[in-house]
Amino acid sequence: MTQTAPVFGPAPTRPPYDPELLPGLAAIRAATPPLSDETLEQMREITMAAVPGREPVDLTAGGRVQVQELTMRSAEAELPIVVLSPAEGPGPWPLIYFIHGGGMVAGGRHLGLDDLLSHVVDGTAVVASLEYRRAPEYPDPTPVLDCYDGLRWCAENSGLLRIDPSHIIITGTSAGGGLAAGTALMARDEGFPQLSHQVLVCPMLDDRFETHSSRMLDDDGTWDRNGNLYGWTALLGERRGTADVSYYAAPARAQDLSSLPRTFIDVGSAEGFRDEAIIYATKLSEAGVSVDLHMWGGGFHGFENIAQAAVSQAASATRAEFFRRALER
């Protein structure tokens, strides 16, 4: 894949990392090579089921969770979708529709599901995660259209999944956070399905590299400007950074954010997506959307995977509490 690089220049100043996170950062960097054409398949293998540096968990939770590997049929493709449901109880339950991360080019439907497993174990939600088609083999608009088709399929098959189609929370991490935001915009514009909340975790929202934080990491952190450029170029090709980019692909470009669901956004202070997340939260608030915004001091991209750090525990607990309240609604 050929990418046209913006002229970055020297990296601007970044805030310091939380000292508790530094050993984990070193381990993650050792486990994940810089993203390039040569390392893409290796990155995909690493991220198919587990976050780098973190062991995968038993999604059945010792028999308390029913795991169904289903197929979602859309007009263009048949795509795998995994559904986690409480093993006991008739339902219907609220749905958490999760979109995995991976820089638009990697990851799979099981990546990151362990972060939501407790809500299924508690008997308060069903979780569904789609294997959307990734760039560069499937550039924009395929990934966001797949995610919207998966969301629509879940709502239309509420009886099969034992979910309440009027109580759907969309969420995603990193690239999945950007795709979740784009899918929420598409659902609003299409008028179906209605979403109760969106939870955007360190979301990848803006392809233009115009903010301070988008340029401040050069061979630094866990997702620097070079990896970010690779991901956006894989998705958009030569359109990246031009006016010919849909707000479904890069939600930071949306001018009208009205009529979107209540939103939770969190991000680290020392990661590349910091400024675009804050700007998006501000624009949502200006459009009349209720927003919870959290910026975690010293956090790099994906810092909460260093579970023993106090800032990671605070971030995970805060997000879990938002989910708890959203599921009670």
C-alpha atoms as a PDB file:
ATOM      1  CA  MET A   1       0.000   0.000   0.000  1.00  0.00           C
ATOM      2  CA  THR A   2       1.423   3.382  -0.967  1.00  0.00           C
ATOM      3  CA  GLN A   3       0.746   6.209   1.440  1.00  0.00           C
ATOM      4  CA  THR A   4       1.199   9.933   0.930  1.00  0.00           C
ATOM      5  CA  ALA A   5       2.693  11.285   4.128  1.00  0.00           C
ATOM      6  CA  PRO A   6       1.825  14.715   5.472  1.00  0.00           C
ATOM      7  CA  VAL A   7       4.769  16.905   6.402  1.00  0.00           C
ATOM      8  CA  PHE A   8       4.786  16.280  10.140  1.00  0.00           C
ATOM      9  CA  GLY A   9       7.977  18.049  11.174  1.00  0.00           C
ATOM     10  CA  PRO A  10       9.309  17.638  14.711  1.00  0.00           C
ATOM     11  CA  ALA A  11       6.871  16.073  17.156  1.00  0.00           C
ATOM     12  CA  PRO A  12       5.193  18.637  19.445  1.00  0.00           C
ATOM     13  CA  THR A  13       5.490  18.280  23.208  1.00  0.00           C
ATOM     14  CA  ARG A  14       3.450  15.554  24.875  1.00  0.00           C
ATOM     15  CA  PRO A  15       2.484  15.208  28.541  1.00  0.00           C
ATOM     16  CA  PRO A  16       4.456  12.674  30.589  1.00  0.00           C
ATOM     17  CA  TYR A  17       3.254   9.108  30.931  1.00  0.00           C
ATOM     18  CA  ASP A  18       1.999   7.910  34.295  1.00  0.00           C
ATOM     19  CA  PRO A  19       5.029   6.201  35.918  1.00  0.00           C
ATOM     20  CA  GLU A  20       2.923   3.169  36.878  1.00  0.00           C
ATOM     21  CA  LEU A  21       2.237   2.552  33.198  1.00  0.00           C
ATOM     22  CA  LEU A  22       5.831   2.555  31.971  1.00  0.00           C
ATOM     23  CA  PRO A  23       6.678  -1.150  32.513  1.00  0.00           C
ATOM     24  CA  GLY A  24       3.486  -2.172  30.737  1.00  0.00           C
ATOM     25  CA  LEU A  25       4.184   0.252  27.902  1.00  0.00           C
ATOM     26  CA  ALA A  26       7.581  -1.335  27.355  1.00  0.00           C
ATOM     27  CA  ALA A  27       6.003  -4.810  27.244  1.00  0.00           C
ATOM     28  CA  ILE A  28       3.331  -3.762  24.751  1.00  0.00           C
ATOM     29  CA  ARG A  29       5.861  -2.070  22.473  1.00  0.00           C
ATOM     30  CA  ALA A  30       8.042  -5.173  22.572  1.00  0.00           C
ATOM     31  CA  ALA A  31       5.057  -7.322  21.535  1.00  0.00           C
ATOM     32  CA  THR A  32       3.822  -5.113  18.680  1.00  0.00           C
ATOM     33  CA  PRO A  33       5.989  -4.067  15.723  1.00  0.00           C
ATOM     34  CA  PRO A  34       5.559  -0.683  14.017  1.00  0.00           C
ATOM     35  CA  LEU A  35       2.697  -0.952  11.535  1.00  0.00           C
ATOM     36  CA  SER A  36       3.675  -1.237   7.866  1.00  0.00           C
ATOM     37  CA  ASP A  37       2.911  -3.322   4.793  1.00  0.00           C
ATOM     38  CA  GLU A  38       5.590  -5.756   5.946  1.00  0.00           C
ATOM     39  CA  THR A  39       4.187  -6.176   9.475  1.00  0.00           C
ATOM     40  CA  LEU A  40       0.444  -5.993   8.752  1.00  0.00           C
ATOM     41  CA  GLU A  41      -0.184  -9.751   8.773  1.00  0.00           C
ATOM     42  CA  GLN A  42       1.861 -10.134  11.947  1.00  0.00           C
ATOM     43  CA  MET A  43      -0.184  -7.382  13.591  1.00  0.00           C
ATOM     44  CA  ARG A  44      -3.387  -9.112  12.515  1.00  0.00           C
ATOM     45  CA  GLU A  45      -2.275 -12.390  14.060  1.00  0.00           C
ATOM     46  CA  ILE A  46      -1.368 -10.639  17.304  1.00  0.00           C
ATOM     47  CA  THR A  47      -4.677  -8.781  17.602  1.00  0.00           C
ATOM     48  CA  MET A  48      -7.221 -11.332  16.384  1.00  0.00           C
ATOM     49  CA  ALA A  49      -8.327 -12.391  19.867  1.00  0.00           C
ATOM     50  CA  ALA A  50      -6.310 -10.649  22.558  1.00  0.00           C
ATOM     51  CA  VAL A  51      -4.957  -7.214  23.364  1.00  0.00           C
ATOM     52  CA  PRO A  52      -1.138  -7.295  23.084  1.00  0.00           C
ATOM     53  CA  GLY A  53       0.357  -7.959  26.498  1.00  0.00           C
ATOM     54  CA  ARG A  54      -2.888  -9.337  27.913  1.00  0.00           C
ATOM     55  CA  GLU A  55      -3.989 -12.968  28.021  1.00  0.00           C
ATOM     56  CA  PRO A  56      -7.354 -13.884  26.442  1.00  0.00           C
ATOM     57  CA  VAL A  57     -10.102 -14.871  28.857  1.00  0.00           C
ATOM     58  CA  ASP A  58     -12.747 -17.594  28.869  1.00  0.00           C
ATOM     59  CA  LEU A  59     -15.752 -15.899  27.274  1.00  0.00           C
ATOM     60  CA  THR A  60     -18.087 -18.513  28.762  1.00  0.00           C
ATOM     61  CA  ALA A  61     -17.096 -17.320  32.254  1.00  0.00           C
ATOM     62  CA  GLY A  62     -17.216 -20.867  33.532  1.00  0.00           C
ATOM     63  CA  GLY A  63     -20.622 -21.593  32.023  1.00  0.00           C
ATOM     64  CA  ARG A  64     -22.359 -18.389  33.096  1.00  0.00           C
ATOM     65  CA  VAL A  65     -22.303 -16.975  29.551  1.00  0.00           C
ATOM     66  CA  GLN A  66     -23.720 -18.508  26.381  1.00  0.00           C
ATOM     67  CA  VAL A  67     -21.420 -17.866  23.404  1.00  0.00           C
ATOM     68  CA  GLN A  68     -23.039 -18.082  19.965  1.00  0.00           C
ATOM     69  CA  GLU A  69     -21.026 -17.808  16.766  1.00  0.00           C
ATOM     70  CA  LEU A  70     -23.594 -16.690  14.196  1.00  0.00           C
ATOM     71  CA  THR A  71     -23.591 -15.356  10.638  1.00  0.00           C
ATOM     72  CA  MET A  72     -24.970 -11.951   9.734  1.00  0.00           C
ATOM     73  CA  ARG A  73     -26.251 -11.790   6.169  1.00  0.00           C
ATOM     74  CA  SER A  74     -26.296  -8.400   4.488  1.00  0.00           C
ATOM     75  CA  ALA A  75     -26.866  -7.425   0.872  1.00  0.00           C
ATOM     76  CA  GLU A  76     -23.152  -7.737   0.102  1.00  0.00           C
ATOM     77  CA  ALA A  77     -21.669 -10.365   2.409  1.00  0.00           C
ATOM     78  CA  GLU A  78     -22.083 -13.007   5.069  1.00  0.00           C
ATOM     79  CA  LEU A  79     -20.080 -11.976   8.122  1.00  0.00           C
ATOM     80  CA  PRO A  80     -19.393 -13.739  11.427  1.00  0.00           C
ATOM     81  CA  ILE A  81     -20.889 -12.177  14.540  1.00  0.00           C
ATOM     82  CA  VAL A  82     -20.356 -13.426  18.083  1.00  0.00           C
ATOM     83  CA  VAL A  83     -23.148 -13.001  20.621  1.00  0.00           C
ATOM     84  CA  LEU A  84     -22.641 -13.321  24.379  1.00  0.00           C
ATOM     85  CA  SER A  85     -25.837 -13.857  26.394  1.00  0.00           C
ATOM     86  CA  PRO A  86     -26.602 -14.647  30.032  1.00  0.00           C
ATOM     87  CA  ALA A  87     -26.777 -18.423  30.409  1.00  0.00           C
ATOM     88  CA  GLU A  88     -29.853 -18.137  32.615  1.00  0.00           C
ATOM     89  CA  GLY A  89     -32.997 -16.088  32.285  1.00  0.00           C
ATOM     90  CA  PRO A  90     -35.452 -15.541  29.436  1.00  0.00           C
ATOM     91  CA  GLY A  91     -34.552 -11.970  28.516  1.00  0.00           C
ATOM     92  CA  PRO A  92     -35.043  -9.733  26.708  1.00  0.00           C
ATOM     93  CA  TRP A  93     -31.931  -7.844  27.701  1.00  0.00           C
ATOM     94  CA  PRO A  94     -30.409  -4.574  26.531  1.00  0.00           C
ATOM     95  CA  LEU A  95     -27.858  -4.996  23.750  1.00  0.00           C
ATOM     96  CA  ILE A  96     -24.289  -3.736  23.863  1.00  0.00           C
ATOM     97  CA  TYR A  97     -23.202  -3.639  20.216  1.00  0.00           C
ATOM     98  CA  PHE A  98     -19.404  -3.640  20.292  1.00  0.00           C
ATOM     99  CA  ILE A  99     -17.041  -2.709  17.438  1.00  0.00           C
ATOM    100  CA  HIS A 100     -13.468  -3.904  17.866  1.00  0.00           C
ATOM    101  CA  GLY A 101     -10.354  -1.818  17.359  1.00  0.00           C
ATOM    102  CA  GLY A 102      -7.262  -2.454  15.264  1.00  0.00           C
ATOM    103  CA  GLY A 103      -6.440   0.745  13.396  1.00  0.00           C
ATOM    104  CA  MET A 104      -8.983  -0.045  10.629  1.00  0.00           C
ATOM    105  CA  VAL A 105      -6.651  -2.820   9.429  1.00  0.00           C
ATOM    106  CA  ALA A 106      -6.371  -5.424  12.203  1.00  0.00           C
ATOM    107  CA  GLY A 107      -8.270  -6.989  15.104  1.00  0.00           C
ATOM    108  CA  GLY A 108     -11.199  -9.373  15.124  1.00  0.00           C
ATOM    109  CA  ARG A 109     -14.625  -9.820  16.682  1.00  0.00           C
ATOM    110  CA  HIS A 110     -13.261 -11.315  19.931  1.00  0.00           C
ATOM    111  CA  LEU A 111     -10.739  -8.525  20.553  1.00  0.00           C
ATOM    112  CA  GLY A 112     -11.710  -6.537  23.642  1.00  0.00           C
ATOM    113  CA  LEU A 113     -14.833  -8.529  24.508  1.00  0.00           C
ATOM    114  CA  ASP A 114     -13.441  -9.367  27.946  1.00  0.00           C
ATOM    115  CA  ASP A 115     -13.930  -5.712  28.935  1.00  0.00           C
ATOM    116  CA  LEU A 116     -17.706  -6.154  28.563  1.00  0.00           C
ATOM    117  CA  LEU A 117     -18.042  -9.693  29.876  1.00  0.00           C
ATOM    118  CA  SER A 118     -19.039  -8.654  33.402  1.00  0.00           C
ATOM    119  CA  HIS A 119     -22.297  -7.125  32.134  1.00  0.00           C
ATOM    120  CA  VAL A 120     -23.300 -10.473  30.633  1.00  0.00           C
ATOM    121  CA  VAL A 121     -22.214 -12.395  33.730  1.00  0.00           C
ATOM    122  CA  ASP A 122     -24.325 -10.030  35.844  1.00  0.00           C
ATOM    123  CA  GLY A 123     -27.345 -10.822  33.683  1.00  0.00           C
ATOM    124  CA  THR A 124     -27.816  -7.202  32.597  1.00  0.00           C
ATOM    125  CA  ALA A 125     -26.922  -7.293  28.885  1.00  0.00           C
ATOM    126  CA  VAL A 126     -26.295  -9.205  25.693  1.00  0.00           C
ATOM    127  CA  VAL A 127     -23.074  -8.300  23.857  1.00  0.00           C
ATOM    128  CA  ALA A 128     -22.661  -8.688  20.082  1.00  0.00           C
ATOM    129  CA  SER A 129     -19.475  -8.119  18.075  1.00  0.00           C
ATOM    130  CA  LEU A 130     -19.193  -8.264  14.279  1.00  0.00           C
ATOM    131  CA  GLU A 131     -16.267  -9.390  12.123  1.00  0.00           C
ATOM    132  CA  TYR A 132     -16.414  -6.354   9.841  1.00  0.00           C
ATOM    133  CA  ARG A 133     -14.258  -6.290   6.728  1.00  0.00           C
ATOM    134  CA  ARG A 134     -11.035  -4.345   7.169  1.00  0.00           C
ATOM    135  CA  ALA A 135      -8.866  -2.047   5.090  1.00  0.00           C
ATOM    136  CA  PRO A 136      -6.842  -2.044   2.920  1.00  0.00           C
ATOM    137  CA  GLU A 137      -8.538  -5.021   1.215  1.00  0.00           C
ATOM    138  CA  TYR A 138     -11.920  -3.427   1.935  1.00  0.00           C
ATOM    139  CA  PRO A 139     -11.506   0.363   2.076  1.00  0.00           C
ATOM    140  CA  ASP A 140     -14.140   2.920   3.005  1.00  0.00           C
ATOM    141  CA  PRO A 141     -17.117   2.746   2.961  1.00  0.00           C
ATOM    142  CA  THR A 142     -17.117  -1.034   3.547  1.00  0.00           C
ATOM    143  CA  PRO A 143     -16.113  -1.118   7.253  1.00  0.00           C
ATOM    144  CA  VAL A 144     -18.711   1.376   8.476  1.00  0.00           C
ATOM    145  CA  LEU A 145     -21.412  -0.079   6.198  1.00  0.00           C
ATOM    146  CA  ASP A 146     -20.676  -3.539   7.600  1.00  0.00           C
ATOM    147  CA  CYS A 147     -20.957  -2.168  11.136  1.00  0.00           C
ATOM    148  CA  TYR A 148     -24.276  -0.496  10.369  1.00  0.00           C
ATOM    149  CA  ASP A 149     -25.609  -3.629   8.667  1.00  0.00           C
ATOM    150  CA  GLY A 150     -24.621  -5.637  11.739  1.00  0.00           C
ATOM    151  CA  LEU A 151     -26.405  -3.190  14.025  1.00  0.00           C
ATOM    152  CA  ARG A 152     -29.531  -3.290  11.880  1.00  0.00           C
ATOM    153  CA  TRP A 153     -29.380  -7.106  11.763  1.00  0.00           C
ATOM    154  CA  CYS A 154     -29.280  -7.280  15.554  1.00  0.00           C
ATOM    155  CA  ALA A 155     -32.290  -4.992  15.904  1.00  0.00           C
ATOM    156  CA  GLU A 156     -34.245  -6.878  13.246  1.00  0.00           C
ATOM    157  CA  ASN A 157     -33.427 -10.216  14.917  1.00  0.00           C
ATOM    158  CA  SER A 158     -34.220  -9.146  18.453  1.00  0.00           C
ATOM    159  CA  GLY A 159     -36.274 -12.286  19.082  1.00  0.00           C
ATOM    160  CA  LEU A 160     -33.440 -14.593  18.055  1.00  0.00           C
ATOM    161  CA  LEU A 161     -30.949 -12.691  20.203  1.00  0.00           C
ATOM    162  CA  ARG A 162     -33.407 -12.136  23.084  1.00  0.00           C
ATOM    163  CA  ILE A 163     -32.688  -8.411  23.184  1.00  0.00           C
ATOM    164  CA  ASP A 164     -34.775  -5.284  23.666  1.00  0.00           C
ATOM    165  CA  PRO A 165     -34.442  -3.417  20.324  1.00  0.00           C
ATOM    166  CA  SER A 166     -35.371  -0.147  22.024  1.00  0.00           C
ATOM    167  CA  HIS A 167     -32.395  -0.386  24.394  1.00  0.00           C
ATOM    168  CA  ILE A 168     -29.200  -0.596  22.338  1.00  0.00           C
ATOM    169  CA  ILE A 169     -25.843   0.818  23.426  1.00  0.00           C
ATOM    170  CA  ILE A 170     -23.206   1.117  20.716  1.00  0.00           C
ATOM    171  CA  THR A 171     -19.577   1.088  21.768  1.00  0.00           C
ATOM    172  CA  GLY A 172     -16.117   0.666  20.322  1.00  0.00           C
ATOM    173  CA  THR A 173     -12.459   1.127  21.120  1.00  0.00           C
ATOM    174  CA  SER A 174      -9.890   3.035  19.036  1.00  0.00           C
ATOM    175  CA  ALA A 175     -10.761   2.410  15.368  1.00  0.00           C
ATOM    176  CA  GLY A 176     -13.867   0.681  16.703  1.00  0.00           C
ATOM    177  CA  GLY A 177     -14.726   3.871  18.580  1.00  0.00           C
ATOM    178  CA  GLY A 178     -14.545   5.816  15.333  1.00  0.00           C
ATOM    179  CA  LEU A 179     -16.632   3.201  13.547  1.00  0.00           C
ATOM    180  CA  ALA A 180     -19.139   3.255  16.419  1.00  0.00           C
ATOM    181  CA  ALA A 181     -19.454   7.027  16.082  1.00  0.00           C
ATOM    182  CA  GLY A 182     -19.891   6.713  12.310  1.00  0.00           C
ATOM    183  CA  THR A 183     -22.441   3.924  12.722  1.00  0.00           C
ATOM    184  CA  ALA A 184     -24.391   6.008  15.241  1.00  0.00           C
ATOM    185  CA  LEU A 185     -24.495   8.870  12.737  1.00  0.00           C
ATOM    186  CA  MET A 186     -25.716   6.480  10.041  1.00  0.00           C
ATOM    187  CA  ALA A 187     -28.404   5.054  12.335  1.00  0.00           C
ATOM    188  CA  ARG A 188     -29.565   8.591  13.126  1.00  0.00           C
ATOM    189  CA  ASP A 189     -29.711   9.525   9.445  1.00  0.00           C
ATOM    190  CA  GLU A 190     -31.485   6.290   8.461  1.00  0.00           C
ATOM    191  CA  GLY A 191     -33.890   6.530  11.393  1.00  0.00           C
ATOM    192  CA  PHE A 192     -33.184   2.957  12.526  1.00  0.00           C
ATOM    193  CA  PRO A 193     -32.372   1.541  14.933  1.00  0.00           C
ATOM    194  CA  GLN A 194     -32.776   3.950  17.802  1.00  0.00           C
ATOM    195  CA  LEU A 195     -29.752   3.980  20.109  1.00  0.00           C
ATOM    196  CA  SER A 196     -29.958   4.726  23.808  1.00  0.00           C
ATOM    197  CA  HIS A 197     -26.244   5.487  24.366  1.00  0.00           C
ATOM    198  CA  GLN A 198     -22.864   5.521  22.644  1.00  0.00           C
ATOM    199  CA  VAL A 199     -19.603   4.764  24.468  1.00  0.00           C
ATOM    200  CA  LEU A 200     -16.509   5.840  22.542  1.00  0.00           C
ATOM    201  CA  VAL A 201     -13.225   4.662  24.042  1.00  0.00           C
ATOM    202  CA  CYS A 202     -10.129   6.522  22.763  1.00  0.00           C
ATOM    203  CA  PRO A 203     -11.926   6.898  19.406  1.00  0.00           C
ATOM    204  CA  MET A 204     -10.194   7.291  16.014  1.00  0.00           C
ATOM    205  CA  LEU A 205     -12.246  10.145  14.554  1.00  0.00           C
ATOM    206  CA  ASP A 206     -10.180  12.460  12.348  1.00  0.00           C
ATOM    207  CA  ASP A 207      -8.048  11.717   9.277  1.00  0.00           C
ATOM    208  CA  ARG A 208      -6.643  15.230   8.844  1.00  0.00           C
ATOM    209  CA  PHE A 209      -3.746  15.399  11.374  1.00  0.00           C
ATOM    210  CA  GLU A 210      -4.558  19.002  12.239  1.00  0.00           C
ATOM    211  CA  THR A 211      -4.516  18.753  16.039  1.00  0.00           C
ATOM    212  CA  HIS A 212      -1.534  19.035  18.367  1.00  0.00           C
ATOM    213  CA  SER A 213      -1.990  15.548  19.790  1.00  0.00           C
ATOM    214  CA  SER A 214      -2.303  13.867  16.378  1.00  0.00           C
ATOM    215  CA  ARG A 215       1.276  14.929  15.587  1.00  0.00           C
ATOM    216  CA  MET A 216       2.966  14.628  18.987  1.00  0.00           C
ATOM    217  CA  LEU A 217       3.943  10.931  18.947  1.00  0.00           C
ATOM    218  CA  ASP A 218       6.738   9.814  16.628  1.00  0.00           C
ATOM    219  CA  ASP A 219       7.878   6.244  17.371  1.00  0.00           C
ATOM    220  CA  ASP A 220       6.412   6.770  20.823  1.00  0.00           C
ATOM    221  CA  GLY A 221       3.524   5.335  22.812  1.00  0.00           C
ATOM    222  CA  THR A 222       1.412   2.485  21.467  1.00  0.00           C
ATOM    223  CA  TRP A 223      -0.204   4.172  18.431  1.00  0.00           C
ATOM    224  CA  ASP A 224       1.886   6.972  17.004  1.00  0.00           C
ATOM    225  CA  ARG A 225       1.333   9.328  14.083  1.00  0.00           C
ATOM    226  CA  ASN A 226       3.020   6.909  11.678  1.00  0.00           C
ATOM    227  CA  GLY A 227       0.701   4.018  12.554  1.00  0.00           C
ATOM    228  CA  ASN A 228      -2.254   6.396  12.477  1.00  0.00           C
ATOM    229  CA  LEU A 229      -1.266   7.587   9.013  1.00  0.00           C
ATOM    230  CA  TYR A 230      -0.997   3.975   7.858  1.00  0.00           C
ATOM    231  CA  GLY A 231      -4.473   3.134   9.167  1.00  0.00           C
ATOM    232  CA  TRP A 232      -6.198   6.174   7.692  1.00  0.00           C
ATOM    233  CA  THR A 233      -4.452   5.769   4.337  1.00  0.00           C
ATOM    234  CA  ALA A 234      -5.425   2.094   4.216  1.00  0.00           C
ATOM    235  CA  LEU A 235      -9.042   3.122   4.774  1.00  0.00           C
ATOM    236  CA  LEU A 236      -9.236   6.208   2.561  1.00  0.00           C
ATOM    237  CA  GLY A 237      -6.357   6.003   0.088  1.00  0.00           C
ATOM    238  CA  GLU A 238      -5.608   9.267  -1.700  1.00  0.00           C
ATOM    239  CA  ARG A 239      -8.813  10.810  -0.311  1.00  0.00           C
ATOM    240  CA  ARG A 240      -7.264  10.984   3.176  1.00  0.00           C
ATOM    241  CA  GLY A 241      -7.082  14.589   4.305  1.00  0.00           C
ATOM    242  CA  THR A 242      -9.095  15.909   1.347  1.00  0.00           C
ATOM    243  CA  ALA A 243     -12.628  17.262   1.236  1.00  0.00           C
ATOM    244  CA  ASP A 244     -13.835  13.991  -0.325  1.00  0.00           C
ATOM    245  CA  VAL A 245     -14.233  12.097   2.956  1.00  0.00           C
ATOM    246  CA  SER A 246     -17.609  11.187   4.455  1.00  0.00           C
ATOM    247  CA  TYR A 247     -18.373  11.962   8.077  1.00  0.00           C
ATOM    248  CA  TYR A 248     -19.379   8.323   8.446  1.00  0.00           C
ATOM    249  CA  ALA A 249     -15.722   7.417   7.809  1.00  0.00           C
ATOM    250  CA  ALA A 250     -14.244  10.286   9.843  1.00  0.00           C
ATOM    251  CA  PRO A 251     -16.919  11.477  12.298  1.00  0.00           C
ATOM    252  CA  ALA A 252     -14.854  14.526  13.313  1.00  0.00           C
ATOM    253  CA  ARG A 253     -15.933  15.994   9.963  1.00  0.00           C
ATOM    254  CA  ALA A 254     -19.646  15.933  10.874  1.00  0.00           C
ATOM    255  CA  GLN A 255     -21.186  19.395  11.106  1.00  0.00           C
ATOM    256  CA  ASP A 256     -24.504  18.281  12.608  1.00  0.00           C
ATOM    257  CA  LEU A 257     -24.253  16.121  15.729  1.00  0.00           C
ATOM    258  CA  SER A 258     -27.796  16.719  16.926  1.00  0.00           C
ATOM    259  CA  SER A 259     -30.188  13.885  17.796  1.00  0.00           C
ATOM    260  CA  LEU A 260     -27.401  11.505  18.790  1.00  0.00           C
ATOM    261  CA  PRO A 261     -27.716   9.388  21.938  1.00  0.00           C
ATOM    262  CA  ARG A 262     -26.238  10.188  25.321  1.00  0.00           C
ATOM    263  CA  THR A 263     -22.487   9.784  24.982  1.00  0.00           C
ATOM    264  CA  PHE A 264     -19.506   8.675  27.055  1.00  0.00           C
ATOM    265  CA  ILE A 265     -16.019   9.468  25.735  1.00  0.00           C
ATOM    266  CA  ASP A 266     -12.719   8.791  27.427  1.00  0.00           C
ATOM    267  CA  VAL A 267      -9.146   9.221  26.303  1.00  0.00           C
ATOM    268  CA  GLY A 268      -5.621   9.456  27.694  1.00  0.00           C
ATOM    269  CA  SER A 269      -3.857  12.800  28.018  1.00  0.00           C
ATOM    270  CA  ALA A 270      -0.705  11.475  26.302  1.00  0.00           C
ATOM    271  CA  GLU A 271      -2.217   9.802  23.232  1.00  0.00           C
ATOM    272  CA  GLY A 272      -2.707  10.909  19.670  1.00  0.00           C
ATOM    273  CA  PHE A 273      -6.519  10.800  19.726  1.00  0.00           C
ATOM    274  CA  ARG A 274      -6.775  13.140  22.736  1.00  0.00           C
ATOM    275  CA  ASP A 275      -7.658  16.383  20.976  1.00  0.00           C
ATOM    276  CA  GLU A 276     -10.097  14.942  18.438  1.00  0.00           C
ATOM    277  CA  ALA A 277     -11.959  13.155  21.247  1.00  0.00           C
ATOM    278  CA  ILE A 278     -12.235  16.359  23.267  1.00  0.00           C
ATOM    279  CA  ILE A 279     -13.321  18.375  20.226  1.00  0.00           C
ATOM    280  CA  TYR A 280     -15.944  15.760  19.325  1.00  0.00           C
ATOM    281  CA  ALA A 281     -17.312  15.778  22.874  1.00  0.00           C
ATOM    282  CA  THR A 282     -17.508  19.567  22.786  1.00  0.00           C
ATOM    283  CA  LYS A 283     -19.340  19.570  19.448  1.00  0.00           C
ATOM    284  CA  LEU A 284     -21.787  16.972  20.753  1.00  0.00           C
ATOM    285  CA  SER A 285     -22.503  19.147  23.791  1.00  0.00           C
ATOM    286  CA  GLU A 286     -22.992  22.203  21.582  1.00  0.00           C
ATOM    287  CA  ALA A 287     -25.515  20.156  19.568  1.00  0.00           C
ATOM    288  CA  GLY A 288     -27.534  19.435  22.700  1.00  0.00           C
ATOM    289  CA  VAL A 289     -26.275  15.905  23.391  1.00  0.00           C
ATOM    290  CA  SER A 290     -25.579  14.853  26.983  1.00  0.00           C
ATOM    291  CA  VAL A 291     -21.878  13.930  27.199  1.00  0.00           C
ATOM    292  CA  ASP A 292     -19.636  12.413  29.863  1.00  0.00           C
ATOM    293  CA  LEU A 293     -16.013  13.222  28.926  1.00  0.00           C
ATOM    294  CA  HIS A 294     -12.987  11.874  30.788  1.00  0.00           C
ATOM    295  CA  MET A 295      -9.333  12.604  30.055  1.00  0.00           C
ATOM    296  CA  TRP A 296      -6.964  10.430  32.072  1.00  0.00           C
ATOM    297  CA  GLY A 297      -3.682  12.062  33.020  1.00  0.00           C
ATOM    298  CA  GLY A 298      -0.589  10.197  31.857  1.00  0.00           C
ATOM    299  CA  GLY A 299      -2.547   7.688  29.803  1.00  0.00           C
ATOM    300  CA  PHE A 300      -1.238   6.470  26.455  1.00  0.00           C
ATOM    301  CA  HIS A 301      -3.428   4.754  23.855  1.00  0.00           C
ATOM    302  CA  GLY A 302      -4.916   1.641  25.468  1.00  0.00           C
ATOM    303  CA  PHE A 303      -3.356   2.377  28.852  1.00  0.00           C
ATOM    304  CA  GLU A 304      -6.177   0.669  30.748  1.00  0.00           C
ATOM    305  CA  ASN A 305      -4.811  -2.670  29.574  1.00  0.00           C
ATOM    306  CA  ILE A 306      -2.142  -2.166  32.258  1.00  0.00           C
ATOM    307  CA  ALA A 307      -4.722  -3.273  34.781  1.00  0.00           C
ATOM    308  CA  GLN A 308      -2.605  -2.919  37.920  1.00  0.00           C
ATOM    309  CA  ALA A 309      -2.070   0.838  37.481  1.00  0.00           C
ATOM    310  CA  ALA A 310      -4.283   3.121  39.557  1.00  0.00           C
ATOM    311  CA  VAL A 311      -5.222   5.298  36.565  1.00  0.00           C
ATOM    312  CA  SER A 312      -6.281   2.185  34.633  1.00  0.00           C
ATOM    313  CA  GLN A 313      -8.452   0.983  37.490  1.00  0.00           C
ATOM    314  CA  ALA A 314     -10.068   4.411  37.786  1.00  0.00           C
ATOM    315  CA  ALA A 315     -10.777   4.569  34.046  1.00  0.00           C
ATOM    316  CA  SER A 316     -12.202   1.043  33.897  1.00  0.00           C
ATOM    317  CA  ALA A 317     -14.378   1.613  36.971  1.00  0.00           C
ATOM    318  CA  THR A 318     -15.716   4.913  35.638  1.00  0.00           C
ATOM    319  CA  ARG A 319     -16.645   3.370  32.298  1.00  0.00           C
ATOM    320  CA  ALA A 320     -18.208   0.319  33.960  1.00  0.00           C
ATOM    321  CA  GLU A 321     -20.332   2.593  36.142  1.00  0.00           C
ATOM    322  CA  PHE A 322     -21.579   4.467  33.070  1.00  0.00           C
ATOM    323  CA  PHE A 323     -22.529   1.154  31.459  1.00  0.00           C
ATOM    324  CA  ARG A 324     -24.291   0.080  34.655  1.00  0.00           C
ATOM    325  CA  ARG A 325     -26.439   3.217  34.677  1.00  0.00           C
ATOM    326  CA  ALA A 326     -27.036   3.024  30.928  1.00  0.00           C
ATOM    327  CA  LEU A 327     -28.224  -0.579  31.208  1.00  0.00           C
ATOM    328  CA  GLU A 328     -30.654   0.325  34.007  1.00  0.00           C
ATOM    329  CA  ARG A 329     -32.115   3.278  32.087  1.00  0.00           C
END
